Amino acid sequence: MTAELAVAIPVVVLVLVACLAGLSAAVDQVRCVDAARLGSRAAARGDSPGSVHDLARRGAPDGAVVTVARRGGEAVVTVRAQVGGWGGVVPPWSVSATARTPVEEGPRG
């Protein structure tokens, strides 16, 4: 029984770490989506690119890269982040999200 327990405990711990890494990645994916949407809406209403970038970075995971562009009549914001890599136990991978919002034309009111 002791040998089986000695093998089972590390496997259970490894599975738990993998599950926690997956959950963390899912949370960071949602944060990327929210940050991209927030930045895209701000860019569409005419905020400055620097302001849009800062706004999206505040909602994004730590170390995320934010790109802001205008393509045609759309404001496009992409947020990319590296997640995982917990002490070399789980390899790191990327999560990203892109949001497109039609640019508002003319005065608001």
N, C-alpha and C. Protein backbone atom coordinates (compact mmCIF):
# COMPACT_ATOMS: atom_id res chain seq x y z
N MET A 1 0.83 -1.20 0.00
CA MET A 1 0.00 0.00 0.00
C MET A 1 0.86 1.25 0.00
N THR A 2 1.98 1.26 0.67
CA THR A 2 2.83 2.44 0.73
C THR A 2 3.40 2.78 -0.64
N ALA A 3 3.78 1.79 -1.43
CA ALA A 3 4.33 2.05 -2.76
C ALA A 3 3.27 2.67 -3.67
N GLU A 4 2.05 2.18 -3.60
CA GLU A 4 0.98 2.74 -4.42
C GLU A 4 0.70 4.19 -4.03
N LEU A 5 0.71 4.46 -2.74
CA LEU A 5 0.48 5.81 -2.25
C LEU A 5 1.61 6.74 -2.67
N ALA A 6 2.84 6.24 -2.64
CA ALA A 6 3.99 7.05 -3.05
C ALA A 6 3.93 7.42 -4.53
N VAL A 7 3.30 6.60 -5.34
CA VAL A 7 3.14 6.89 -6.76
C VAL A 7 1.89 7.77 -6.99
N ALA A 8 0.85 7.52 -6.25
CA ALA A 8 -0.42 8.20 -6.48
C ALA A 8 -0.41 9.67 -6.06
N ILE A 9 0.24 10.00 -4.97
CA ILE A 9 0.23 11.38 -4.48
C ILE A 9 0.87 12.35 -5.49
N PRO A 10 2.06 12.07 -6.03
CA PRO A 10 2.62 13.00 -7.03
C PRO A 10 1.75 13.13 -8.28
N VAL A 11 1.10 12.04 -8.69
CA VAL A 11 0.22 12.10 -9.86
C VAL A 11 -0.99 12.99 -9.57
N VAL A 12 -1.56 12.86 -8.40
CA VAL A 12 -2.70 13.69 -8.02
C VAL A 12 -2.29 15.16 -7.96
N VAL A 13 -1.13 15.44 -7.42
CA VAL A 13 -0.64 16.81 -7.35
C VAL A 13 -0.41 17.37 -8.76
N LEU A 14 0.17 16.58 -9.65
CA LEU A 14 0.41 17.01 -11.02
C LEU A 14 -0.90 17.30 -11.75
N VAL A 15 -1.90 16.46 -11.56
CA VAL A 15 -3.21 16.68 -12.18
C VAL A 15 -3.85 17.95 -11.61
N LEU A 16 -3.72 18.18 -10.32
CA LEU A 16 -4.25 19.39 -9.70
C LEU A 16 -3.57 20.64 -10.25
N VAL A 17 -2.27 20.60 -10.42
CA VAL A 17 -1.54 21.74 -10.99
C VAL A 17 -1.98 22.00 -12.42
N ALA A 18 -2.17 20.94 -13.20
CA ALA A 18 -2.63 21.11 -14.58
C ALA A 18 -4.03 21.71 -14.62
N CYS A 19 -4.90 21.28 -13.72
CA CYS A 19 -6.26 21.84 -13.66
C CYS A 19 -6.23 23.32 -13.26
N LEU A 20 -5.41 23.66 -12.30
CA LEU A 20 -5.29 25.06 -11.89
C LEU A 20 -4.71 25.93 -13.00
N ALA A 21 -3.75 25.40 -13.75
CA ALA A 21 -3.19 26.14 -14.88
C ALA A 21 -4.24 26.36 -15.95
N GLY A 22 -5.06 25.37 -16.21
CA GLY A 22 -6.14 25.52 -17.18
C GLY A 22 -7.16 26.55 -16.74
N LEU A 23 -7.51 26.54 -15.49
CA LEU A 23 -8.45 27.52 -14.95
C LEU A 23 -7.87 28.92 -15.04
N SER A 24 -6.60 29.05 -14.70
CA SER A 24 -5.93 30.35 -14.79
C SER A 24 -5.90 30.85 -16.24
N ALA A 25 -5.65 29.95 -17.18
CA ALA A 25 -5.64 30.33 -18.60
C ALA A 25 -7.02 30.77 -19.04
N ALA A 26 -8.07 30.11 -18.57
CA ALA A 26 -9.43 30.50 -18.93
C ALA A 26 -9.76 31.89 -18.40
N VAL A 27 -9.35 32.18 -17.19
CA VAL A 27 -9.58 33.51 -16.61
C VAL A 27 -8.82 34.57 -17.41
N ASP A 28 -7.56 34.28 -17.78
CA ASP A 28 -6.79 35.23 -18.57
C ASP A 28 -7.37 35.42 -19.96
N GLN A 29 -7.96 34.36 -20.55
CA GLN A 29 -8.62 34.50 -21.85
C GLN A 29 -9.81 35.44 -21.75
N VAL A 30 -10.60 35.30 -20.70
CA VAL A 30 -11.75 36.19 -20.51
C VAL A 30 -11.27 37.62 -20.30
N ARG A 31 -10.18 37.81 -19.57
CA ARG A 31 -9.64 39.16 -19.37
C ARG A 31 -9.16 39.75 -20.68
N CYS A 32 -8.56 38.93 -21.56
CA CYS A 32 -8.14 39.42 -22.88
C CYS A 32 -9.35 39.85 -23.70
N VAL A 33 -10.41 39.05 -23.69
CA VAL A 33 -11.63 39.39 -24.44
C VAL A 33 -12.21 40.70 -23.93
N ASP A 34 -12.34 40.83 -22.62
CA ASP A 34 -12.91 42.06 -22.04
C ASP A 34 -12.05 43.28 -22.36
N ALA A 35 -10.73 43.14 -22.25
CA ALA A 35 -9.83 44.26 -22.54
C ALA A 35 -9.90 44.66 -24.01
N ALA A 36 -9.96 43.69 -24.91
CA ALA A 36 -10.05 43.99 -26.34
C ALA A 36 -11.36 44.70 -26.65
N ARG A 37 -12.46 44.25 -26.09
CA ARG A 37 -13.76 44.90 -26.31
C ARG A 37 -13.77 46.33 -25.78
N LEU A 38 -13.23 46.51 -24.59
CA LEU A 38 -13.19 47.84 -23.98
C LEU A 38 -12.36 48.80 -24.83
N GLY A 39 -11.19 48.33 -25.26
CA GLY A 39 -10.33 49.17 -26.09
C GLY A 39 -10.95 49.46 -27.45
N SER A 40 -11.60 48.48 -28.02
CA SER A 40 -12.23 48.66 -29.33
C SER A 40 -13.36 49.68 -29.27
N ARG A 41 -14.16 49.63 -28.25
CA ARG A 41 -15.24 50.61 -28.10
C ARG A 41 -14.67 52.02 -27.92
N ALA A 42 -13.60 52.14 -27.12
CA ALA A 42 -12.98 53.45 -26.91
C ALA A 42 -12.39 53.99 -28.21
N ALA A 43 -11.74 53.13 -28.97
CA ALA A 43 -11.16 53.56 -30.25
C ALA A 43 -12.25 53.96 -31.24
N ALA A 44 -13.37 53.26 -31.23
CA ALA A 44 -14.47 53.55 -32.15
C ALA A 44 -15.12 54.89 -31.86
N ARG A 45 -15.12 55.30 -30.61
CA ARG A 45 -15.75 56.58 -30.29
C ARG A 45 -14.78 57.75 -30.45
N GLY A 46 -13.51 57.44 -30.82
CA GLY A 46 -12.57 58.51 -31.16
C GLY A 46 -11.53 58.83 -30.11
N ASP A 47 -11.37 58.00 -29.09
CA ASP A 47 -10.31 58.24 -28.10
C ASP A 47 -8.95 58.13 -28.77
N SER A 48 -7.94 58.77 -28.20
CA SER A 48 -6.59 58.73 -28.78
C SER A 48 -6.02 57.31 -28.67
N PRO A 49 -5.14 56.92 -29.60
CA PRO A 49 -4.55 55.57 -29.55
C PRO A 49 -3.84 55.28 -28.23
N GLY A 50 -3.15 56.27 -27.67
CA GLY A 50 -2.48 56.07 -26.39
C GLY A 50 -3.47 55.79 -25.27
N SER A 51 -4.57 56.52 -25.27
CA SER A 51 -5.61 56.33 -24.27
C SER A 51 -6.26 54.95 -24.41
N VAL A 52 -6.51 54.55 -25.65
CA VAL A 52 -7.09 53.23 -25.92
C VAL A 52 -6.15 52.14 -25.44
N HIS A 53 -4.87 52.30 -25.74
CA HIS A 53 -3.86 51.31 -25.34
C HIS A 53 -3.82 51.19 -23.82
N ASP A 54 -3.78 52.31 -23.12
CA ASP A 54 -3.73 52.28 -21.65
C ASP A 54 -4.99 51.66 -21.06
N LEU A 55 -6.14 51.99 -21.63
CA LEU A 55 -7.40 51.44 -21.14
C LEU A 55 -7.44 49.92 -21.30
N ALA A 56 -7.02 49.44 -22.46
CA ALA A 56 -7.01 47.99 -22.70
C ALA A 56 -5.99 47.29 -21.81
N ARG A 57 -4.82 47.90 -21.60
CA ARG A 57 -3.79 47.28 -20.75
C ARG A 57 -4.25 47.14 -19.31
N ARG A 58 -5.05 48.09 -18.83
CA ARG A 58 -5.54 48.00 -17.45
C ARG A 58 -6.43 46.79 -17.25
N GLY A 59 -7.20 46.40 -18.27
CA GLY A 59 -8.09 45.25 -18.14
C GLY A 59 -7.45 43.93 -18.52
N ALA A 60 -6.27 43.99 -19.15
CA ALA A 60 -5.61 42.78 -19.65
C ALA A 60 -4.77 42.11 -18.56
N PRO A 61 -4.42 40.84 -18.76
CA PRO A 61 -3.52 40.16 -17.81
C PRO A 61 -2.14 40.84 -17.80
N ASP A 62 -1.39 40.63 -16.73
CA ASP A 62 -0.05 41.19 -16.63
C ASP A 62 0.83 40.74 -17.79
N GLY A 63 1.59 41.67 -18.35
CA GLY A 63 2.51 41.35 -19.43
C GLY A 63 1.85 41.23 -20.79
N ALA A 64 0.58 41.59 -20.91
CA ALA A 64 -0.13 41.47 -22.19
C ALA A 64 0.36 42.52 -23.18
N VAL A 65 0.28 42.18 -24.45
CA VAL A 65 0.64 43.09 -25.53
C VAL A 65 -0.66 43.53 -26.20
N VAL A 66 -0.84 44.84 -26.33
CA VAL A 66 -2.06 45.39 -26.92
C VAL A 66 -1.70 46.09 -28.23
N THR A 67 -2.44 45.79 -29.31
CA THR A 67 -2.27 46.51 -30.57
C THR A 67 -3.59 47.17 -30.93
N VAL A 68 -3.48 48.41 -31.40
CA VAL A 68 -4.65 49.20 -31.77
C VAL A 68 -4.49 49.61 -33.23
N ALA A 69 -5.53 49.40 -34.03
CA ALA A 69 -5.47 49.76 -35.45
C ALA A 69 -6.86 50.16 -35.93
N ARG A 70 -6.85 50.87 -37.05
CA ARG A 70 -8.11 51.18 -37.75
C ARG A 70 -8.02 50.54 -39.12
N ARG A 71 -9.00 49.73 -39.43
CA ARG A 71 -9.05 49.07 -40.73
C ARG A 71 -10.41 49.36 -41.35
N GLY A 72 -10.38 50.09 -42.43
CA GLY A 72 -11.64 50.47 -43.05
C GLY A 72 -12.43 51.32 -42.10
N GLY A 73 -13.65 50.94 -41.84
CA GLY A 73 -14.50 51.68 -40.92
C GLY A 73 -14.58 51.04 -39.55
N GLU A 74 -13.55 50.26 -39.19
CA GLU A 74 -13.58 49.55 -37.91
C GLU A 74 -12.36 49.91 -37.05
N ALA A 75 -12.59 49.94 -35.75
CA ALA A 75 -11.50 50.01 -34.79
C ALA A 75 -11.20 48.58 -34.36
N VAL A 76 -9.92 48.18 -34.46
CA VAL A 76 -9.53 46.80 -34.16
C VAL A 76 -8.50 46.82 -33.03
N VAL A 77 -8.80 46.11 -31.97
CA VAL A 77 -7.88 45.99 -30.83
C VAL A 77 -7.62 44.52 -30.58
N THR A 78 -6.33 44.16 -30.50
CA THR A 78 -5.92 42.79 -30.21
C THR A 78 -5.12 42.77 -28.91
N VAL A 79 -5.43 41.82 -28.05
CA VAL A 79 -4.73 41.65 -26.77
C VAL A 79 -4.17 40.24 -26.74
N ARG A 80 -2.84 40.13 -26.51
CA ARG A 80 -2.17 38.82 -26.42
C ARG A 80 -1.42 38.73 -25.10
N ALA A 81 -1.46 37.54 -24.49
CA ALA A 81 -0.75 37.34 -23.22
C ALA A 81 -0.20 35.92 -23.16
N GLN A 82 0.92 35.77 -22.48
CA GLN A 82 1.50 34.45 -22.18
C GLN A 82 0.99 34.00 -20.83
N VAL A 83 0.50 32.79 -20.76
CA VAL A 83 0.01 32.24 -19.49
C VAL A 83 0.66 30.88 -19.25
N GLY A 84 0.51 30.38 -18.05
CA GLY A 84 1.09 29.08 -17.71
C GLY A 84 2.55 29.24 -17.31
N GLY A 85 3.30 28.16 -17.46
CA GLY A 85 4.72 28.19 -17.13
C GLY A 85 4.99 28.26 -15.64
N TRP A 86 4.17 27.63 -14.86
CA TRP A 86 4.34 27.66 -13.41
C TRP A 86 5.57 26.88 -13.00
N GLY A 87 6.68 27.54 -12.86
CA GLY A 87 7.91 26.91 -12.39
C GLY A 87 8.40 25.79 -13.29
N GLY A 88 8.04 25.81 -14.55
CA GLY A 88 8.47 24.78 -15.47
C GLY A 88 7.63 23.52 -15.42
N VAL A 89 6.64 23.47 -14.53
CA VAL A 89 5.79 22.29 -14.43
C VAL A 89 4.80 22.24 -15.59
N VAL A 90 4.23 23.39 -15.91
CA VAL A 90 3.27 23.50 -17.02
C VAL A 90 3.88 24.44 -18.05
N PRO A 91 3.99 24.02 -19.30
CA PRO A 91 4.59 24.90 -20.31
C PRO A 91 3.71 26.12 -20.57
N PRO A 92 4.33 27.27 -20.86
CA PRO A 92 3.54 28.46 -21.14
C PRO A 92 2.88 28.38 -22.52
N TRP A 93 1.76 29.06 -22.67
CA TRP A 93 1.11 29.15 -23.97
C TRP A 93 0.46 30.53 -24.07
N SER A 94 -0.01 30.87 -25.26
CA SER A 94 -0.57 32.20 -25.51
C SER A 94 -2.09 32.16 -25.53
N VAL A 95 -2.68 33.24 -25.04
CA VAL A 95 -4.10 33.48 -25.21
C VAL A 95 -4.23 34.84 -25.88
N SER A 96 -5.23 35.00 -26.70
CA SER A 96 -5.42 36.28 -27.37
C SER A 96 -6.89 36.51 -27.69
N ALA A 97 -7.21 37.77 -27.93
CA ALA A 97 -8.56 38.14 -28.32
C ALA A 97 -8.48 39.37 -29.20
N THR A 98 -9.36 39.42 -30.20
CA THR A 98 -9.45 40.58 -31.08
C THR A 98 -10.89 41.05 -31.09
N ALA A 99 -11.07 42.36 -30.97
CA ALA A 99 -12.41 42.95 -31.03
C ALA A 99 -12.44 44.01 -32.13
N ARG A 100 -13.53 44.01 -32.87
CA ARG A 100 -13.75 45.00 -33.94
C ARG A 100 -15.05 45.73 -33.66
N THR A 101 -14.98 47.06 -33.75
CA THR A 101 -16.16 47.88 -33.54
C THR A 101 -16.25 48.91 -34.65
N PRO A 102 -17.42 49.10 -35.26
CA PRO A 102 -17.55 50.13 -36.28
C PRO A 102 -17.25 51.51 -35.69
N VAL A 103 -16.51 52.31 -36.45
CA VAL A 103 -16.12 53.65 -35.99
C VAL A 103 -17.33 54.57 -36.10
N GLU A 104 -17.55 55.34 -35.04
CA GLU A 104 -18.66 56.30 -35.03
C GLU A 104 -18.29 57.49 -35.90
N GLU A 105 -19.20 57.90 -36.72
CA GLU A 105 -18.98 59.04 -37.60
C GLU A 105 -19.85 60.21 -37.14
N GLY A 106 -19.33 61.39 -37.25
CA GLY A 106 -20.09 62.59 -36.96
C GLY A 106 -20.21 62.88 -35.48
N PRO A 107 -20.86 64.02 -35.14
CA PRO A 107 -21.00 64.41 -33.73
C PRO A 107 -21.99 63.52 -33.00
N ARG A 108 -21.70 63.35 -31.71
CA ARG A 108 -22.62 62.58 -30.87
C ARG A 108 -23.71 63.52 -30.36
N GLY A 109 -24.84 62.90 -30.11
CA GLY A 109 -25.86 63.76 -29.53
C GLY A 109 -27.21 63.35 -29.75
